Amino acid sequence: MSQSILLHRSSHIFEPFYRSPAVSESGIHGTGLGLPLARTIVEAMGGRITAKSDLGKGSAFSIHLPERRNARRRTQATDKPARRRHGIL
């Protein structure tokens, strides 16, 4: 299970503080907050995050965000440089 997320447990991976028993027993450190935080951010942006797991091969996570139309035009129309907040443009 350390190389992939078992499908029957994949529904729990986005729950805060969830860590599979195998991960906890293996000594891998973590809080179980990374994926829930990622999902919260992605959903706040109107997107979704999905997970696919193949036993023995590993897991893949995909982030799907809606296209933001006219964003470039709005920035150019104001003639103001984009402001940086918290190191993110």
N, C-alpha and C. Protein backbone atom coordinates (compact mmCIF):
# COMPACT_ATOMS: atom_id res chain seq x y z
N MET A 1 0.82 -1.19 0.00
CA MET A 1 0.00 0.00 0.00
C MET A 1 0.86 1.26 0.00
N SER A 2 2.11 1.16 0.33
CA SER A 2 2.95 2.35 0.38
C SER A 2 3.18 2.94 -1.01
N GLN A 3 3.06 2.12 -2.07
CA GLN A 3 3.28 2.62 -3.41
C GLN A 3 1.99 3.05 -4.11
N SER A 4 0.89 2.72 -3.57
CA SER A 4 -0.37 3.11 -4.17
C SER A 4 -1.46 3.16 -3.10
N ILE A 5 -2.52 3.80 -3.44
CA ILE A 5 -3.66 3.92 -2.53
C ILE A 5 -4.68 2.86 -2.93
N LEU A 6 -5.02 1.99 -2.01
CA LEU A 6 -6.00 0.97 -2.35
C LEU A 6 -7.34 1.62 -2.66
N LEU A 7 -7.99 1.14 -3.71
CA LEU A 7 -9.22 1.76 -4.19
C LEU A 7 -10.31 1.80 -3.13
N HIS A 8 -10.42 0.78 -2.30
CA HIS A 8 -11.50 0.78 -1.31
C HIS A 8 -11.26 1.80 -0.20
N ARG A 9 -10.05 2.32 -0.09
CA ARG A 9 -9.76 3.33 0.92
C ARG A 9 -9.60 4.72 0.31
N SER A 10 -9.65 4.82 -1.01
CA SER A 10 -9.37 6.09 -1.67
C SER A 10 -10.38 7.17 -1.32
N SER A 11 -11.57 6.79 -0.90
CA SER A 11 -12.57 7.81 -0.54
C SER A 11 -12.16 8.56 0.73
N HIS A 12 -11.26 8.01 1.51
CA HIS A 12 -10.84 8.63 2.76
C HIS A 12 -9.64 9.55 2.62
N ILE A 13 -8.93 9.49 1.51
CA ILE A 13 -7.65 10.20 1.41
C ILE A 13 -7.79 11.72 1.46
N PHE A 14 -8.98 12.23 1.18
CA PHE A 14 -9.19 13.67 1.24
C PHE A 14 -9.81 14.12 2.56
N GLU A 15 -9.95 13.21 3.51
CA GLU A 15 -10.45 13.55 4.84
C GLU A 15 -9.29 14.06 5.69
N PRO A 16 -9.50 15.17 6.40
CA PRO A 16 -8.42 15.71 7.25
C PRO A 16 -7.95 14.67 8.27
N PHE A 17 -6.64 14.59 8.42
CA PHE A 17 -5.96 13.73 9.39
C PHE A 17 -6.02 12.24 9.06
N TYR A 18 -6.58 11.87 7.90
CA TYR A 18 -6.61 10.45 7.56
C TYR A 18 -5.22 9.99 7.13
N ARG A 19 -4.78 8.91 7.72
CA ARG A 19 -3.55 8.23 7.31
C ARG A 19 -3.84 6.74 7.36
N SER A 20 -3.54 6.07 6.29
CA SER A 20 -3.83 4.64 6.25
C SER A 20 -3.01 3.92 7.32
N PRO A 21 -3.51 2.83 7.82
CA PRO A 21 -2.76 2.07 8.83
C PRO A 21 -1.37 1.65 8.32
N ALA A 22 -1.27 1.27 7.05
CA ALA A 22 0.03 0.84 6.51
C ALA A 22 1.04 1.98 6.51
N VAL A 23 0.59 3.19 6.20
CA VAL A 23 1.49 4.35 6.19
C VAL A 23 1.92 4.67 7.62
N SER A 24 0.99 4.66 8.54
CA SER A 24 1.32 4.93 9.94
C SER A 24 2.30 3.91 10.49
N GLU A 25 2.09 2.64 10.18
CA GLU A 25 2.97 1.58 10.67
C GLU A 25 4.35 1.61 10.03
N SER A 26 4.45 2.15 8.83
CA SER A 26 5.73 2.15 8.12
C SER A 26 6.68 3.22 8.64
N GLY A 27 6.18 4.12 9.47
CA GLY A 27 7.02 5.17 10.02
C GLY A 27 7.12 6.41 9.15
N ILE A 28 6.33 6.46 8.07
CA ILE A 28 6.32 7.66 7.22
C ILE A 28 5.63 8.77 8.00
N HIS A 29 6.31 9.90 8.13
CA HIS A 29 5.78 11.01 8.91
C HIS A 29 4.80 11.83 8.08
N GLY A 30 3.86 12.43 8.75
CA GLY A 30 2.89 13.29 8.09
C GLY A 30 1.71 13.55 9.01
N THR A 31 0.91 14.51 8.62
CA THR A 31 -0.26 14.87 9.43
C THR A 31 -1.57 14.43 8.81
N GLY A 32 -1.55 14.09 7.52
CA GLY A 32 -2.79 13.75 6.84
C GLY A 32 -3.55 14.99 6.41
N LEU A 33 -2.86 16.12 6.30
CA LEU A 33 -3.53 17.37 5.91
C LEU A 33 -3.20 17.82 4.49
N GLY A 34 -2.22 17.23 3.85
CA GLY A 34 -1.79 17.68 2.53
C GLY A 34 -2.88 17.58 1.47
N LEU A 35 -3.45 16.41 1.29
CA LEU A 35 -4.48 16.24 0.27
C LEU A 35 -5.77 17.00 0.60
N PRO A 36 -6.23 17.00 1.87
CA PRO A 36 -7.41 17.80 2.16
C PRO A 36 -7.19 19.30 1.89
N LEU A 37 -6.00 19.78 2.19
CA LEU A 37 -5.69 21.18 1.93
C LEU A 37 -5.67 21.45 0.43
N ALA A 38 -5.05 20.55 -0.32
CA ALA A 38 -5.03 20.71 -1.78
C ALA A 38 -6.45 20.73 -2.34
N ARG A 39 -7.31 19.84 -1.86
CA ARG A 39 -8.69 19.81 -2.35
C ARG A 39 -9.43 21.09 -2.00
N THR A 40 -9.23 21.60 -0.80
CA THR A 40 -9.89 22.83 -0.40
C THR A 40 -9.50 23.99 -1.31
N ILE A 41 -8.22 24.10 -1.61
CA ILE A 41 -7.74 25.18 -2.48
C ILE A 41 -8.29 25.03 -3.89
N VAL A 42 -8.21 23.81 -4.43
CA VAL A 42 -8.69 23.57 -5.79
C VAL A 42 -10.18 23.85 -5.89
N GLU A 43 -10.97 23.40 -4.93
CA GLU A 43 -12.41 23.63 -4.96
C GLU A 43 -12.75 25.10 -4.78
N ALA A 44 -11.95 25.83 -4.02
CA ALA A 44 -12.18 27.27 -3.86
C ALA A 44 -11.97 28.00 -5.17
N MET A 45 -11.18 27.41 -6.06
CA MET A 45 -10.93 28.00 -7.37
C MET A 45 -11.91 27.49 -8.42
N GLY A 46 -12.91 26.73 -7.96
CA GLY A 46 -13.93 26.22 -8.87
C GLY A 46 -13.52 24.95 -9.60
N GLY A 47 -12.50 24.27 -9.10
CA GLY A 47 -12.00 23.07 -9.76
C GLY A 47 -12.27 21.82 -8.97
N ARG A 48 -11.59 20.76 -9.39
CA ARG A 48 -11.71 19.47 -8.70
C ARG A 48 -10.38 18.75 -8.78
N ILE A 49 -10.16 17.86 -7.84
CA ILE A 49 -8.95 17.05 -7.81
C ILE A 49 -9.39 15.59 -7.80
N THR A 50 -8.72 14.78 -8.60
CA THR A 50 -9.05 13.36 -8.67
C THR A 50 -7.80 12.54 -8.41
N ALA A 51 -8.02 11.30 -8.00
CA ALA A 51 -6.91 10.39 -7.73
C ALA A 51 -7.15 9.08 -8.47
N LYS A 52 -6.08 8.54 -9.01
CA LYS A 52 -6.13 7.22 -9.65
C LYS A 52 -4.98 6.42 -9.08
N SER A 53 -5.25 5.18 -8.73
CA SER A 53 -4.24 4.36 -8.09
C SER A 53 -4.16 3.00 -8.75
N ASP A 54 -2.95 2.57 -9.02
CA ASP A 54 -2.70 1.23 -9.54
C ASP A 54 -1.81 0.50 -8.55
N LEU A 55 -2.33 -0.58 -7.98
CA LEU A 55 -1.61 -1.32 -6.96
C LEU A 55 -0.24 -1.76 -7.48
N GLY A 56 0.77 -1.41 -6.73
CA GLY A 56 2.13 -1.76 -7.09
C GLY A 56 2.80 -0.78 -8.04
N LYS A 57 2.03 0.13 -8.63
CA LYS A 57 2.59 1.11 -9.56
C LYS A 57 2.63 2.51 -8.97
N GLY A 58 1.65 2.82 -8.13
CA GLY A 58 1.61 4.15 -7.53
C GLY A 58 0.30 4.85 -7.79
N SER A 59 0.27 6.12 -7.44
CA SER A 59 -0.95 6.93 -7.55
C SER A 59 -0.67 8.17 -8.36
N ALA A 60 -1.69 8.64 -9.06
CA ALA A 60 -1.59 9.87 -9.83
C ALA A 60 -2.74 10.79 -9.42
N PHE A 61 -2.43 12.05 -9.23
CA PHE A 61 -3.43 13.04 -8.86
C PHE A 61 -3.55 14.05 -9.98
N SER A 62 -4.77 14.38 -10.34
CA SER A 62 -5.02 15.36 -11.39
C SER A 62 -5.82 16.51 -10.83
N ILE A 63 -5.44 17.71 -11.21
CA ILE A 63 -6.16 18.92 -10.81
C ILE A 63 -6.80 19.50 -12.05
N HIS A 64 -8.09 19.73 -11.98
CA HIS A 64 -8.85 20.28 -13.10
C HIS A 64 -9.38 21.64 -12.67
N LEU A 65 -8.93 22.70 -13.34
CA LEU A 65 -9.37 24.06 -13.02
C LEU A 65 -10.12 24.64 -14.21
N PRO A 66 -11.15 25.43 -13.94
CA PRO A 66 -11.86 26.07 -15.05
C PRO A 66 -10.98 27.12 -15.71
N GLU A 67 -11.18 27.30 -16.99
CA GLU A 67 -10.44 28.32 -17.71
C GLU A 67 -10.97 29.69 -17.29
N ARG A 68 -10.05 30.57 -17.02
CA ARG A 68 -10.44 31.92 -16.62
C ARG A 68 -10.36 32.81 -17.86
N ARG A 69 -11.48 33.14 -18.41
CA ARG A 69 -11.53 33.94 -19.64
C ARG A 69 -11.37 35.42 -19.33
N ASN A 70 -10.77 36.12 -20.24
CA ASN A 70 -10.59 37.58 -20.16
C ASN A 70 -9.70 38.03 -19.01
N ALA A 71 -9.01 37.14 -18.35
CA ALA A 71 -8.14 37.53 -17.24
C ALA A 71 -7.02 38.43 -17.74
N ARG A 72 -6.44 38.10 -18.89
CA ARG A 72 -5.35 38.90 -19.44
C ARG A 72 -5.85 40.29 -19.84
N ARG A 73 -7.01 40.35 -20.42
CA ARG A 73 -7.56 41.65 -20.83
C ARG A 73 -7.80 42.56 -19.63
N ARG A 74 -8.31 41.99 -18.54
CA ARG A 74 -8.57 42.81 -17.36
C ARG A 74 -7.27 43.37 -16.79
N THR A 75 -6.23 42.55 -16.75
CA THR A 75 -4.94 43.02 -16.23
C THR A 75 -4.38 44.11 -17.13
N GLN A 76 -4.44 43.94 -18.44
CA GLN A 76 -3.93 44.93 -19.37
C GLN A 76 -4.77 46.20 -19.35
N ALA A 77 -6.06 46.06 -19.13
CA ALA A 77 -6.94 47.22 -19.15
C ALA A 77 -6.65 48.16 -17.99
N THR A 78 -6.21 47.63 -16.86
CA THR A 78 -5.94 48.49 -15.71
C THR A 78 -4.56 49.12 -15.78
N ASP A 79 -3.68 48.55 -16.62
CA ASP A 79 -2.30 49.02 -16.76
C ASP A 79 -1.56 49.04 -15.43
N LYS A 80 -1.97 48.20 -14.51
CA LYS A 80 -1.29 48.07 -13.23
C LYS A 80 -0.64 46.71 -13.18
N PRO A 81 0.57 46.64 -12.66
CA PRO A 81 1.19 45.31 -12.55
C PRO A 81 0.44 44.45 -11.54
N ALA A 82 0.46 43.17 -11.80
CA ALA A 82 -0.19 42.25 -10.87
C ALA A 82 0.51 42.31 -9.52
N ARG A 83 -0.26 42.27 -8.44
CA ARG A 83 0.32 42.32 -7.09
C ARG A 83 0.63 40.92 -6.63
N ARG A 84 1.69 40.82 -5.88
CA ARG A 84 2.06 39.53 -5.29
C ARG A 84 1.50 39.46 -3.89
N ARG A 85 0.90 38.32 -3.58
CA ARG A 85 0.40 38.06 -2.23
C ARG A 85 0.96 36.75 -1.76
N HIS A 86 1.62 36.78 -0.66
CA HIS A 86 2.15 35.54 -0.05
C HIS A 86 3.04 34.77 -1.01
N GLY A 87 3.78 35.47 -1.84
CA GLY A 87 4.72 34.80 -2.73
C GLY A 87 4.07 34.18 -3.95
N ILE A 88 2.78 34.35 -4.13
CA ILE A 88 2.08 33.77 -5.28
C ILE A 88 1.58 34.92 -6.15
N LEU A 89 1.84 34.82 -7.42
CA LEU A 89 1.40 35.86 -8.34
C LEU A 89 -0.02 35.67 -8.70
